[in-house]
């Protein structure tokens, strides 16, 4: 068993990560980190957790618990200041270690990176595309994961004179638990709203991973969870062949049959992603659509998948991949 701690457990990503740790056959939870719930029993987060889990402790105390695996679900700036144990696998679900260039953090995240000299220690990992190569793993953003699954296999065949467009929509849980005016029920229900147009922090993340810029526009959907990204690409290549070849053996990514489109309802609550491939007859534009759960494959599920690979465990252990949800 691998001794495991979760930092920032009280957030949406933290709770989802904890849920997967508890379902994992090879991970043993030794500490629950949360500054806001420190001193409380696990049931303070959710009564379904019962009395058997360790009580919450401050995140610093959980980090010092001697775990072999640290799953970090802290905010960007707090995670950036993290001093991870040298002998542990650390997976950071925040954006604090996704960008190679420390100067980009000031513009895109609003803070100066406090450990810029250690960014090179971290690897950016999408298991199906860029498996983890070090024990310090930067988990990709939810929007970035969907766009990369759709576009990375096509990176070498995109028309260099064209603009790649990513139109993406996510459920409200992507905004986190912290209350914000834009995530209040009155702003979300009966509404679909674009936000951070031209200034979303996943823009440099996508350019870094793909090698070319994309025009990315996110929208907020009036649903709890789920994300769908529609990507428009100009290329003369056989897009379906490239995607099917890339994901032929992937356990968590499915390229749907011709004519079938991805849907949120099939991926919500899971750690899987669906890809649909189409061609616009009027313009010849290739259209690749990816649906995933922003808290699953877009966060907690992918973090555990990355941890499994780094620890030499079954890649799918602890993941939600089977079943037919209604």
C-alpha atoms as a PDB file:
ATOM      1  CA  UNK A   1       0.000   0.000   0.000  1.00  0.00           C
ATOM      2  CA  UNK A   2       1.179   3.530  -0.818  1.00  0.00           C
ATOM      3  CA  UNK A   3       0.786   6.044   2.017  1.00  0.00           C
ATOM      4  CA  UNK A   4      -1.191   8.975   0.592  1.00  0.00           C
ATOM      5  CA  UNK A   5      -2.235  12.463   1.678  1.00  0.00           C
ATOM      6  CA  UNK A   6      -4.670  14.870   0.078  1.00  0.00           C
ATOM      7  CA  UNK A   7      -4.069  18.596   0.512  1.00  0.00           C
ATOM      8  CA  UNK A   8      -6.947  21.046   0.120  1.00  0.00           C
ATOM      9  CA  UNK A   9      -9.517  18.299   0.586  1.00  0.00           C
ATOM     10  CA  UNK A  10     -12.425  20.640   1.297  1.00  0.00           C
ATOM     11  CA  UNK A  11     -12.677  21.916  -2.301  1.00  0.00           C
ATOM     12  CA  UNK A  12     -14.520  20.209  -5.141  1.00  0.00           C
ATOM     13  CA  UNK A  13     -11.326  18.775  -6.665  1.00  0.00           C
ATOM     14  CA  UNK A  14     -10.098  17.751  -3.215  1.00  0.00           C
ATOM     15  CA  UNK A  15     -13.276  15.882  -2.361  1.00  0.00           C
ATOM     16  CA  UNK A  16     -13.322  14.138  -5.740  1.00  0.00           C
ATOM     17  CA  UNK A  17      -9.653  13.193  -5.296  1.00  0.00           C
ATOM     18  CA  UNK A  18     -10.356  11.806  -1.829  1.00  0.00           C
ATOM     19  CA  UNK A  19     -13.207   9.732  -3.234  1.00  0.00           C
ATOM     20  CA  UNK A  20     -10.871   8.080  -5.725  1.00  0.00           C
ATOM     21  CA  UNK A  21      -8.191   7.468  -3.105  1.00  0.00           C
ATOM     22  CA  UNK A  22     -10.758   5.689  -0.923  1.00  0.00           C
ATOM     23  CA  UNK A  23     -11.766   3.487  -3.873  1.00  0.00           C
ATOM     24  CA  UNK A  24      -8.156   2.709  -4.821  1.00  0.00           C
ATOM     25  CA  UNK A  25      -6.904  -0.809  -4.025  1.00  0.00           C
ATOM     26  CA  UNK A  26      -3.273   0.301  -3.555  1.00  0.00           C
ATOM     27  CA  UNK A  27      -3.495   3.693  -1.828  1.00  0.00           C
ATOM     28  CA  UNK A  28      -3.757   4.140   1.938  1.00  0.00           C
ATOM     29  CA  UNK A  29      -4.940   7.503   3.229  1.00  0.00           C
ATOM     30  CA  UNK A  30      -2.728   8.661   6.124  1.00  0.00           C
ATOM     31  CA  UNK A  31      -3.692  12.346   6.412  1.00  0.00           C
ATOM     32  CA  UNK A  32      -6.453  14.706   5.325  1.00  0.00           C
ATOM     33  CA  UNK A  33      -5.258  18.266   4.769  1.00  0.00           C
ATOM     34  CA  UNK A  34      -7.546  21.284   5.020  1.00  0.00           C
ATOM     35  CA  UNK A  35      -6.810  24.605   6.688  1.00  0.00           C
ATOM     36  CA  UNK A  36     -10.501  25.492   6.892  1.00  0.00           C
ATOM     37  CA  UNK A  37     -11.560  22.146   8.428  1.00  0.00           C
ATOM     38  CA  UNK A  38      -8.493  21.464  10.598  1.00  0.00           C
ATOM     39  CA  UNK A  39      -9.496  19.748  13.840  1.00  0.00           C
ATOM     40  CA  UNK A  40     -12.791  18.485  12.412  1.00  0.00           C
ATOM     41  CA  UNK A  41     -13.732  14.880  11.723  1.00  0.00           C
ATOM     42  CA  UNK A  42     -13.892  13.759   8.095  1.00  0.00           C
ATOM     43  CA  UNK A  43     -17.686  13.737   8.320  1.00  0.00           C
ATOM     44  CA  UNK A  44     -17.582  17.534   8.565  1.00  0.00           C
ATOM     45  CA  UNK A  45     -16.894  17.533   4.826  1.00  0.00           C
ATOM     46  CA  UNK A  46     -19.532  14.933   4.012  1.00  0.00           C
ATOM     47  CA  UNK A  47     -21.452  12.743   6.491  1.00  0.00           C
ATOM     48  CA  UNK A  48     -21.069   9.796   4.140  1.00  0.00           C
ATOM     49  CA  UNK A  49     -17.387   9.641   5.074  1.00  0.00           C
ATOM     50  CA  UNK A  50     -18.234   8.208   8.486  1.00  0.00           C
ATOM     51  CA  UNK A  51     -15.879   7.952  11.464  1.00  0.00           C
ATOM     52  CA  UNK A  52     -13.068   5.721  10.194  1.00  0.00           C
ATOM     53  CA  UNK A  53     -10.951   8.278   8.350  1.00  0.00           C
ATOM     54  CA  UNK A  54      -8.275  10.412  10.011  1.00  0.00           C
ATOM     55  CA  UNK A  55      -9.468  13.859  11.156  1.00  0.00           C
ATOM     56  CA  UNK A  56      -8.566  16.967   9.203  1.00  0.00           C
ATOM     57  CA  UNK A  57      -5.253  18.637   9.945  1.00  0.00           C
ATOM     58  CA  UNK A  58      -3.683  21.821   8.527  1.00  0.00           C
ATOM     59  CA  UNK A  59      -2.207  21.324   5.065  1.00  0.00           C
ATOM     60  CA  UNK A  60       1.359  21.849   6.312  1.00  0.00           C
ATOM     61  CA  UNK A  61       0.886  19.098   8.874  1.00  0.00           C
ATOM     62  CA  UNK A  62      -0.552  16.731   6.274  1.00  0.00           C
ATOM     63  CA  UNK A  63       2.383  17.466   3.960  1.00  0.00           C
ATOM     64  CA  UNK A  64       4.783  16.487   6.752  1.00  0.00           C
ATOM     65  CA  UNK A  65       3.018  13.164   7.426  1.00  0.00           C
ATOM     66  CA  UNK A  66       5.656  11.140   5.560  1.00  0.00           C
ATOM     67  CA  UNK A  67       3.428  10.062   2.689  1.00  0.00           C
ATOM     68  CA  UNK A  68       4.753   8.451  -0.490  1.00  0.00           C
ATOM     69  CA  UNK A  69       2.066  10.173  -2.590  1.00  0.00           C
ATOM     70  CA  UNK A  70       0.893  13.782  -2.179  1.00  0.00           C
ATOM     71  CA  UNK A  71      -2.193  14.880  -4.096  1.00  0.00           C
ATOM     72  CA  UNK A  72      -2.242  18.675  -3.974  1.00  0.00           C
ATOM     73  CA  UNK A  73      -5.635  20.345  -4.474  1.00  0.00           C
ATOM     74  CA  UNK A  74      -4.659  23.783  -3.192  1.00  0.00           C
ATOM     75  CA  UNK A  75      -5.203  27.125  -4.920  1.00  0.00           C
ATOM     76  CA  UNK A  76      -2.678  28.265  -7.520  1.00  0.00           C
ATOM     77  CA  UNK A  77      -0.673  30.654  -5.358  1.00  0.00           C
ATOM     78  CA  UNK A  78      -0.653  28.418  -2.286  1.00  0.00           C
ATOM     79  CA  UNK A  79       0.480  25.442  -4.374  1.00  0.00           C
ATOM     80  CA  UNK A  80       3.213  27.525  -5.995  1.00  0.00           C
ATOM     81  CA  UNK A  81       4.842  28.009  -2.587  1.00  0.00           C
ATOM     82  CA  UNK A  82       4.729  24.275  -1.827  1.00  0.00           C
ATOM     83  CA  UNK A  83       7.962  22.610  -0.732  1.00  0.00           C
ATOM     84  CA  UNK A  84       7.209  18.966  -1.579  1.00  0.00           C
ATOM     85  CA  UNK A  85       8.955  16.066   0.178  1.00  0.00           C
ATOM     86  CA  UNK A  86      11.965  14.889  -1.803  1.00  0.00           C
ATOM     87  CA  UNK A  87      11.048  11.199  -1.573  1.00  0.00           C
ATOM     88  CA  UNK A  88       7.358  11.446  -2.542  1.00  0.00           C
ATOM     89  CA  UNK A  89       5.406  11.501  -5.788  1.00  0.00           C
ATOM     90  CA  UNK A  90       3.555  14.824  -5.873  1.00  0.00           C
ATOM     91  CA  UNK A  91       0.661  15.570  -8.231  1.00  0.00           C
ATOM     92  CA  UNK A  92      -0.405  19.221  -8.297  1.00  0.00           C
ATOM     93  CA  UNK A  93      -3.963  19.796  -9.552  1.00  0.00           C
ATOM     94  CA  UNK A  94      -3.571  23.578  -9.571  1.00  0.00           C
ATOM     95  CA  UNK A  95      -1.989  25.664 -12.309  1.00  0.00           C
ATOM     96  CA  UNK A  96       1.054  26.490 -10.182  1.00  0.00           C
ATOM     97  CA  UNK A  97       3.494  24.256 -12.073  1.00  0.00           C
ATOM     98  CA  UNK A  98       1.972  23.929 -15.555  1.00  0.00           C
ATOM     99  CA  UNK A  99       3.937  26.698 -17.282  1.00  0.00           C
ATOM    100  CA  UNK A 100       7.655  26.452 -18.013  1.00  0.00           C
ATOM    101  CA  UNK A 101       8.179  30.209 -18.161  1.00  0.00           C
ATOM    102  CA  UNK A 102       7.870  31.719 -14.665  1.00  0.00           C
ATOM    103  CA  UNK A 103       7.276  35.197 -16.084  1.00  0.00           C
ATOM    104  CA  UNK A 104       3.925  34.048 -17.511  1.00  0.00           C
ATOM    105  CA  UNK A 105       2.490  33.615 -14.022  1.00  0.00           C
ATOM    106  CA  UNK A 106       2.344  37.352 -13.428  1.00  0.00           C
ATOM    107  CA  UNK A 107       0.259  37.933 -16.538  1.00  0.00           C
ATOM    108  CA  UNK A 108      -1.981  34.857 -16.546  1.00  0.00           C
ATOM    109  CA  UNK A 109      -2.313  33.984 -12.849  1.00  0.00           C
ATOM    110  CA  UNK A 110      -1.770  37.335 -11.192  1.00  0.00           C
ATOM    111  CA  UNK A 111       1.184  36.483  -8.951  1.00  0.00           C
ATOM    112  CA  UNK A 112       4.957  36.234  -9.142  1.00  0.00           C
ATOM    113  CA  UNK A 113       6.018  32.593  -8.853  1.00  0.00           C
ATOM    114  CA  UNK A 114       7.873  32.141  -5.541  1.00  0.00           C
ATOM    115  CA  UNK A 115       9.802  29.049  -6.666  1.00  0.00           C
ATOM    116  CA  UNK A 116      10.609  29.892 -10.261  1.00  0.00           C
ATOM    117  CA  UNK A 117      13.953  28.126 -10.029  1.00  0.00           C
ATOM    118  CA  UNK A 118      12.200  24.799  -9.364  1.00  0.00           C
ATOM    119  CA  UNK A 119       9.669  24.817 -12.219  1.00  0.00           C
ATOM    120  CA  UNK A 120      11.982  22.631 -14.306  1.00  0.00           C
ATOM    121  CA  UNK A 121      11.548  19.861 -11.717  1.00  0.00           C
ATOM    122  CA  UNK A 122       7.911  19.443 -12.739  1.00  0.00           C
ATOM    123  CA  UNK A 123       6.574  17.552 -15.751  1.00  0.00           C
ATOM    124  CA  UNK A 124       3.284  18.387 -17.452  1.00  0.00           C
ATOM    125  CA  UNK A 125       1.408  15.125 -17.926  1.00  0.00           C
ATOM    126  CA  UNK A 126      -1.619  14.011 -19.913  1.00  0.00           C
ATOM    127  CA  UNK A 127      -1.279  10.211 -19.578  1.00  0.00           C
ATOM    128  CA  UNK A 128      -2.400   9.367 -23.120  1.00  0.00           C
ATOM    129  CA  UNK A 129      -0.202  12.043 -24.722  1.00  0.00           C
ATOM    130  CA  UNK A 130       2.633  13.006 -22.361  1.00  0.00           C
ATOM    131  CA  UNK A 131       2.996  10.416 -19.551  1.00  0.00           C
ATOM    132  CA  UNK A 132       4.718  11.640 -16.384  1.00  0.00           C
ATOM    133  CA  UNK A 133       8.511  11.552 -16.496  1.00  0.00           C
ATOM    134  CA  UNK A 134       9.365  12.757 -12.970  1.00  0.00           C
ATOM    135  CA  UNK A 135       7.974  12.463  -9.457  1.00  0.00           C
ATOM    136  CA  UNK A 136       6.755  16.079  -9.634  1.00  0.00           C
ATOM    137  CA  UNK A 137       3.658  16.130 -11.833  1.00  0.00           C
ATOM    138  CA  UNK A 138       1.678  19.153 -12.993  1.00  0.00           C
ATOM    139  CA  UNK A 139      -1.864  17.978 -13.696  1.00  0.00           C
ATOM    140  CA  UNK A 140      -3.344  19.799 -16.719  1.00  0.00           C
ATOM    141  CA  UNK A 141      -6.341  22.096 -16.514  1.00  0.00           C
ATOM    142  CA  UNK A 142      -9.779  20.735 -17.367  1.00  0.00           C
ATOM    143  CA  UNK A 143     -10.281  22.833 -20.514  1.00  0.00           C
ATOM    144  CA  UNK A 144      -6.689  22.171 -21.558  1.00  0.00           C
ATOM    145  CA  UNK A 145      -7.141  18.416 -21.157  1.00  0.00           C
ATOM    146  CA  UNK A 146     -10.162  18.391 -23.462  1.00  0.00           C
ATOM    147  CA  UNK A 147      -8.501  20.599 -26.074  1.00  0.00           C
ATOM    148  CA  UNK A 148      -5.243  18.637 -25.983  1.00  0.00           C
ATOM    149  CA  UNK A 149      -6.965  15.285 -26.353  1.00  0.00           C
ATOM    150  CA  UNK A 150      -8.644  16.674 -29.460  1.00  0.00           C
ATOM    151  CA  UNK A 151      -5.732  18.625 -30.943  1.00  0.00           C
ATOM    152  CA  UNK A 152      -2.366  17.195 -29.840  1.00  0.00           C
ATOM    153  CA  UNK A 153      -2.503  14.222 -32.256  1.00  0.00           C
ATOM    154  CA  UNK A 154      -3.020  16.771 -35.063  1.00  0.00           C
ATOM    155  CA  UNK A 155      -0.305  19.233 -34.045  1.00  0.00           C
ATOM    156  CA  UNK A 156       2.028  18.312 -36.915  1.00  0.00           C
ATOM    157  CA  UNK A 157      -0.623  18.502 -39.651  1.00  0.00           C
ATOM    158  CA  UNK A 158      -2.469  21.739 -38.845  1.00  0.00           C
ATOM    159  CA  UNK A 159      -2.428  24.320 -41.640  1.00  0.00           C
ATOM    160  CA  UNK A 160       0.131  26.849 -40.318  1.00  0.00           C
ATOM    161  CA  UNK A 161      -1.688  29.735 -42.016  1.00  0.00           C
ATOM    162  CA  UNK A 162      -4.962  29.018 -40.210  1.00  0.00           C
ATOM    163  CA  UNK A 163      -6.319  29.839 -36.760  1.00  0.00           C
ATOM    164  CA  UNK A 164      -7.307  26.937 -34.532  1.00  0.00           C
ATOM    165  CA  UNK A 165     -10.458  27.754 -32.574  1.00  0.00           C
ATOM    166  CA  UNK A 166     -11.547  26.080 -29.327  1.00  0.00           C
ATOM    167  CA  UNK A 167     -15.094  26.841 -28.194  1.00  0.00           C
ATOM    168  CA  UNK A 168     -15.560  25.247 -24.757  1.00  0.00           C
ATOM    169  CA  UNK A 169     -18.295  25.077 -22.130  1.00  0.00           C
ATOM    170  CA  UNK A 170     -18.088  23.827 -18.540  1.00  0.00           C
ATOM    171  CA  UNK A 171     -20.304  23.220 -15.539  1.00  0.00           C
ATOM    172  CA  UNK A 172     -20.260  25.573 -12.576  1.00  0.00           C
ATOM    173  CA  UNK A 173     -18.111  23.272 -10.406  1.00  0.00           C
ATOM    174  CA  UNK A 174     -15.165  24.306 -12.576  1.00  0.00           C
ATOM    175  CA  UNK A 175     -15.215  27.652 -10.779  1.00  0.00           C
ATOM    176  CA  UNK A 176     -14.501  25.982  -7.427  1.00  0.00           C
ATOM    177  CA  UNK A 177     -16.350  26.222  -4.094  1.00  0.00           C
ATOM    178  CA  UNK A 178     -15.446  29.813  -3.295  1.00  0.00           C
ATOM    179  CA  UNK A 179     -18.475  32.060  -3.726  1.00  0.00           C
ATOM    180  CA  UNK A 180     -18.306  34.449  -6.677  1.00  0.00           C
ATOM    181  CA  UNK A 181     -21.014  36.684  -8.171  1.00  0.00           C
ATOM    182  CA  UNK A 182     -20.703  34.904 -11.530  1.00  0.00           C
ATOM    183  CA  UNK A 183     -21.366  31.489  -9.958  1.00  0.00           C
ATOM    184  CA  UNK A 184     -24.467  32.435  -7.955  1.00  0.00           C
ATOM    185  CA  UNK A 185     -27.629  30.610  -8.989  1.00  0.00           C
ATOM    186  CA  UNK A 186     -29.181  33.826 -10.301  1.00  0.00           C
ATOM    187  CA  UNK A 187     -26.254  34.291 -12.692  1.00  0.00           C
ATOM    188  CA  UNK A 188     -25.967  30.660 -13.803  1.00  0.00           C
ATOM    189  CA  UNK A 189     -29.465  29.192 -14.064  1.00  0.00           C
ATOM    190  CA  UNK A 190     -31.322  29.744 -17.366  1.00  0.00           C
ATOM    191  CA  UNK A 191     -28.133  31.230 -18.784  1.00  0.00           C
ATOM    192  CA  UNK A 192     -24.978  30.494 -20.793  1.00  0.00           C
ATOM    193  CA  UNK A 193     -22.232  33.080 -20.436  1.00  0.00           C
ATOM    194  CA  UNK A 194     -18.733  33.421 -21.928  1.00  0.00           C
ATOM    195  CA  UNK A 195     -16.053  34.517 -19.488  1.00  0.00           C
ATOM    196  CA  UNK A 196     -12.371  35.482 -19.441  1.00  0.00           C
ATOM    197  CA  UNK A 197     -12.553  35.848 -23.212  1.00  0.00           C
ATOM    198  CA  UNK A 198      -9.024  36.212 -24.569  1.00  0.00           C
ATOM    199  CA  UNK A 199      -7.488  36.091 -21.095  1.00  0.00           C
ATOM    200  CA  UNK A 200      -8.044  32.596 -19.702  1.00  0.00           C
ATOM    201  CA  UNK A 201      -5.041  30.998 -17.973  1.00  0.00           C
ATOM    202  CA  UNK A 202      -5.310  27.857 -20.091  1.00  0.00           C
ATOM    203  CA  UNK A 203      -4.291  29.814 -23.216  1.00  0.00           C
ATOM    204  CA  UNK A 204      -0.500  29.725 -22.541  1.00  0.00           C
ATOM    205  CA  UNK A 205      -0.827  26.169 -21.265  1.00  0.00           C
ATOM    206  CA  UNK A 206      -2.300  25.079 -24.602  1.00  0.00           C
ATOM    207  CA  UNK A 207       0.266  26.984 -26.652  1.00  0.00           C
ATOM    208  CA  UNK A 208       3.102  25.450 -24.631  1.00  0.00           C
ATOM    209  CA  UNK A 209       1.799  21.909 -25.154  1.00  0.00           C
ATOM    210  CA  UNK A 210       0.738  22.255 -28.793  1.00  0.00           C
ATOM    211  CA  UNK A 211       3.489  24.485 -30.134  1.00  0.00           C
ATOM    212  CA  UNK A 212       1.025  26.940 -31.700  1.00  0.00           C
ATOM    213  CA  UNK A 213      -1.553  29.428 -30.357  1.00  0.00           C
ATOM    214  CA  UNK A 214      -5.285  28.762 -30.251  1.00  0.00           C
ATOM    215  CA  UNK A 215      -8.262  31.097 -30.081  1.00  0.00           C
ATOM    216  CA  UNK A 216      -9.923  29.832 -26.906  1.00  0.00           C
ATOM    217  CA  UNK A 217     -13.292  30.998 -25.559  1.00  0.00           C
ATOM    218  CA  UNK A 218     -14.762  29.351 -22.430  1.00  0.00           C
ATOM    219  CA  UNK A 219     -18.422  29.497 -21.388  1.00  0.00           C
ATOM    220  CA  UNK A 220     -20.266  28.669 -18.177  1.00  0.00           C
ATOM    221  CA  UNK A 221     -23.110  26.160 -18.434  1.00  0.00           C
ATOM    222  CA  UNK A 222     -26.030  25.917 -15.986  1.00  0.00           C
ATOM    223  CA  UNK A 223     -25.018  22.378 -14.948  1.00  0.00           C
ATOM    224  CA  UNK A 224     -23.065  21.088 -11.945  1.00  0.00           C
ATOM    225  CA  UNK A 225     -20.336  19.251 -13.812  1.00  0.00           C
ATOM    226  CA  UNK A 226     -19.142  18.283 -17.259  1.00  0.00           C
ATOM    227  CA  UNK A 227     -17.184  20.011 -20.024  1.00  0.00           C
ATOM    228  CA  UNK A 228     -17.393  19.981 -23.797  1.00  0.00           C
ATOM    229  CA  UNK A 229     -14.844  21.529 -26.171  1.00  0.00           C
ATOM    230  CA  UNK A 230     -15.476  21.959 -29.896  1.00  0.00           C
ATOM    231  CA  UNK A 231     -12.231  22.439 -31.815  1.00  0.00           C
ATOM    232  CA  UNK A 232     -12.059  23.784 -35.374  1.00  0.00           C
ATOM    233  CA  UNK A 233      -8.961  22.872 -37.415  1.00  0.00           C
ATOM    234  CA  UNK A 234      -7.803  23.348 -41.007  1.00  0.00           C
ATOM    235  CA  UNK A 235      -5.792  20.354 -42.215  1.00  0.00           C
ATOM    236  CA  UNK A 236      -5.501  18.062 -45.186  1.00  0.00           C
ATOM    237  CA  UNK A 237      -4.787  15.014 -43.011  1.00  0.00           C
ATOM    238  CA  UNK A 238      -7.098  12.142 -42.106  1.00  0.00           C
ATOM    239  CA  UNK A 239      -8.126  13.393 -38.672  1.00  0.00           C
ATOM    240  CA  UNK A 240     -10.105  10.313 -37.691  1.00  0.00           C
ATOM    241  CA  UNK A 241      -7.192   8.013 -38.527  1.00  0.00           C
ATOM    242  CA  UNK A 242      -4.758  10.073 -36.440  1.00  0.00           C
ATOM    243  CA  UNK A 243      -7.068  10.161 -33.429  1.00  0.00           C
ATOM    244  CA  UNK A 244      -7.962   6.475 -33.604  1.00  0.00           C
ATOM    245  CA  UNK A 245      -4.283   5.549 -33.875  1.00  0.00           C
ATOM    246  CA  UNK A 246      -3.386   7.724 -30.888  1.00  0.00           C
ATOM    247  CA  UNK A 247      -6.081   6.317 -28.595  1.00  0.00           C
ATOM    248  CA  UNK A 248      -6.291   2.736 -29.872  1.00  0.00           C
ATOM    249  CA  UNK A 249      -5.182   1.325 -26.507  1.00  0.00           C
ATOM    250  CA  UNK A 250      -6.315   4.163 -24.230  1.00  0.00           C
ATOM    251  CA  UNK A 251      -8.511   3.036 -21.352  1.00  0.00           C
ATOM    252  CA  UNK A 252      -9.929   6.477 -20.570  1.00  0.00           C
ATOM    253  CA  UNK A 253     -10.364   8.028 -24.046  1.00  0.00           C
ATOM    254  CA  UNK A 254     -12.818   6.805 -26.686  1.00  0.00           C
ATOM    255  CA  UNK A 255     -13.022   7.952 -30.296  1.00  0.00           C
ATOM    256  CA  UNK A 256     -16.705   7.560 -31.096  1.00  0.00           C
ATOM    257  CA  UNK A 257     -17.951   5.931 -34.315  1.00  0.00           C
ATOM    258  CA  UNK A 258     -18.498   8.117 -37.355  1.00  0.00           C
ATOM    259  CA  UNK A 259     -21.540  10.339 -37.012  1.00  0.00           C
ATOM    260  CA  UNK A 260     -21.769  10.050 -33.208  1.00  0.00           C
ATOM    261  CA  UNK A 261     -21.244  13.148 -31.081  1.00  0.00           C
ATOM    262  CA  UNK A 262     -19.912  13.311 -27.506  1.00  0.00           C
ATOM    263  CA  UNK A 263     -22.397  14.166 -24.761  1.00  0.00           C
ATOM    264  CA  UNK A 264     -21.971  15.495 -21.235  1.00  0.00           C
ATOM    265  CA  UNK A 265     -24.446  13.006 -19.775  1.00  0.00           C
ATOM    266  CA  UNK A 266     -22.241  10.036 -20.679  1.00  0.00           C
ATOM    267  CA  UNK A 267     -19.083  11.422 -19.068  1.00  0.00           C
ATOM    268  CA  UNK A 268     -20.460  13.212 -16.003  1.00  0.00           C
ATOM    269  CA  UNK A 269     -19.237  11.512 -12.836  1.00  0.00           C
ATOM    270  CA  UNK A 270     -16.616   9.490 -14.734  1.00  0.00           C
ATOM    271  CA  UNK A 271     -12.898   9.704 -15.510  1.00  0.00           C
ATOM    272  CA  UNK A 272     -13.421   9.046 -19.222  1.00  0.00           C
ATOM    273  CA  UNK A 273     -13.353  11.302 -22.274  1.00  0.00           C
ATOM    274  CA  UNK A 274     -15.228  11.002 -25.554  1.00  0.00           C
ATOM    275  CA  UNK A 275     -14.042  12.344 -28.915  1.00  0.00           C
ATOM    276  CA  UNK A 276     -16.221  12.943 -31.945  1.00  0.00           C
ATOM    277  CA  UNK A 277     -14.827  13.686 -35.419  1.00  0.00           C
ATOM    278  CA  UNK A 278     -16.672  15.615 -38.136  1.00  0.00           C
ATOM    279  CA  UNK A 279     -15.982  17.638 -41.291  1.00  0.00           C
ATOM    280  CA  UNK A 280     -17.855  20.801 -42.215  1.00  0.00           C
ATOM    281  CA  UNK A 281     -18.914  20.311 -45.842  1.00  0.00           C
ATOM    282  CA  UNK A 282     -19.176  24.051 -46.546  1.00  0.00           C
ATOM    283  CA  UNK A 283     -15.604  24.960 -45.556  1.00  0.00           C
ATOM    284  CA  UNK A 284     -13.695  21.683 -45.285  1.00  0.00           C
ATOM    285  CA  UNK A 285     -12.924  22.470 -41.650  1.00  0.00           C
ATOM    286  CA  UNK A 286     -12.252  19.492 -39.413  1.00  0.00           C
ATOM    287  CA  UNK A 287     -14.273  19.576 -36.198  1.00  0.00           C
ATOM    288  CA  UNK A 288     -13.124  17.546 -33.192  1.00  0.00           C
ATOM    289  CA  UNK A 289     -15.355  17.564 -30.126  1.00  0.00           C
ATOM    290  CA  UNK A 290     -14.233  16.345 -26.707  1.00  0.00           C
ATOM    291  CA  UNK A 291     -16.496  15.781 -23.717  1.00  0.00           C
ATOM    292  CA  UNK A 292     -15.226  14.965 -20.233  1.00  0.00           C
ATOM    293  CA  UNK A 293     -16.062  15.617 -16.605  1.00  0.00           C
ATOM    294  CA  UNK A 294     -14.195  18.702 -15.402  1.00  0.00           C
ATOM    295  CA  UNK A 295     -13.808  17.117 -11.946  1.00  0.00           C
ATOM    296  CA  UNK A 296     -12.997  13.660 -13.329  1.00  0.00           C
ATOM    297  CA  UNK A 297     -10.718  13.387 -16.362  1.00  0.00           C
ATOM    298  CA  UNK A 298     -10.311  17.161 -16.041  1.00  0.00           C
ATOM    299  CA  UNK A 299      -8.985  17.015 -12.462  1.00  0.00           C
ATOM    300  CA  UNK A 300      -9.158  14.233  -9.844  1.00  0.00           C
ATOM    301  CA  UNK A 301      -9.368  11.249 -12.182  1.00  0.00           C
ATOM    302  CA  UNK A 302      -6.431  12.398 -14.260  1.00  0.00           C
ATOM    303  CA  UNK A 303      -4.421  13.156 -11.111  1.00  0.00           C
ATOM    304  CA  UNK A 304      -4.882   9.595  -9.864  1.00  0.00           C
ATOM    305  CA  UNK A 305      -4.163   8.248 -13.365  1.00  0.00           C
ATOM    306  CA  UNK A 306      -0.895  10.212 -13.404  1.00  0.00           C
ATOM    307  CA  UNK A 307      -0.058   9.024  -9.887  1.00  0.00           C
ATOM    308  CA  UNK A 308      -0.658   5.416 -10.918  1.00  0.00           C
ATOM    309  CA  UNK A 309       1.807   5.739 -13.791  1.00  0.00           C
ATOM    310  CA  UNK A 310       4.428   7.456 -11.630  1.00  0.00           C
ATOM    311  CA  UNK A 311       4.117   4.749  -8.958  1.00  0.00           C
ATOM    312  CA  UNK A 312       4.172   1.849 -11.437  1.00  0.00           C
ATOM    313  CA  UNK A 313       0.599   0.817 -10.611  1.00  0.00           C
ATOM    314  CA  UNK A 314      -2.254  -0.196 -12.898  1.00  0.00           C
ATOM    315  CA  UNK A 315      -3.063   3.002 -14.805  1.00  0.00           C
ATOM    316  CA  UNK A 316      -6.810   2.648 -14.225  1.00  0.00           C
ATOM    317  CA  UNK A 317      -6.752   1.693 -10.525  1.00  0.00           C
ATOM    318  CA  UNK A 318      -9.231   3.761  -8.545  1.00  0.00           C
ATOM    319  CA  UNK A 319     -10.766   5.361 -11.673  1.00  0.00           C
ATOM    320  CA  UNK A 320     -14.448   5.487 -12.624  1.00  0.00           C
ATOM    321  CA  UNK A 321     -14.480   4.041 -16.125  1.00  0.00           C
ATOM    322  CA  UNK A 322     -17.043   1.226 -16.135  1.00  0.00           C
ATOM    323  CA  UNK A 323     -20.827   1.350 -16.032  1.00  0.00           C
ATOM    324  CA  UNK A 324     -23.698   2.913 -17.920  1.00  0.00           C
ATOM    325  CA  UNK A 325     -24.895   5.988 -16.058  1.00  0.00           C
ATOM    326  CA  UNK A 326     -28.362   7.470 -16.628  1.00  0.00           C
END
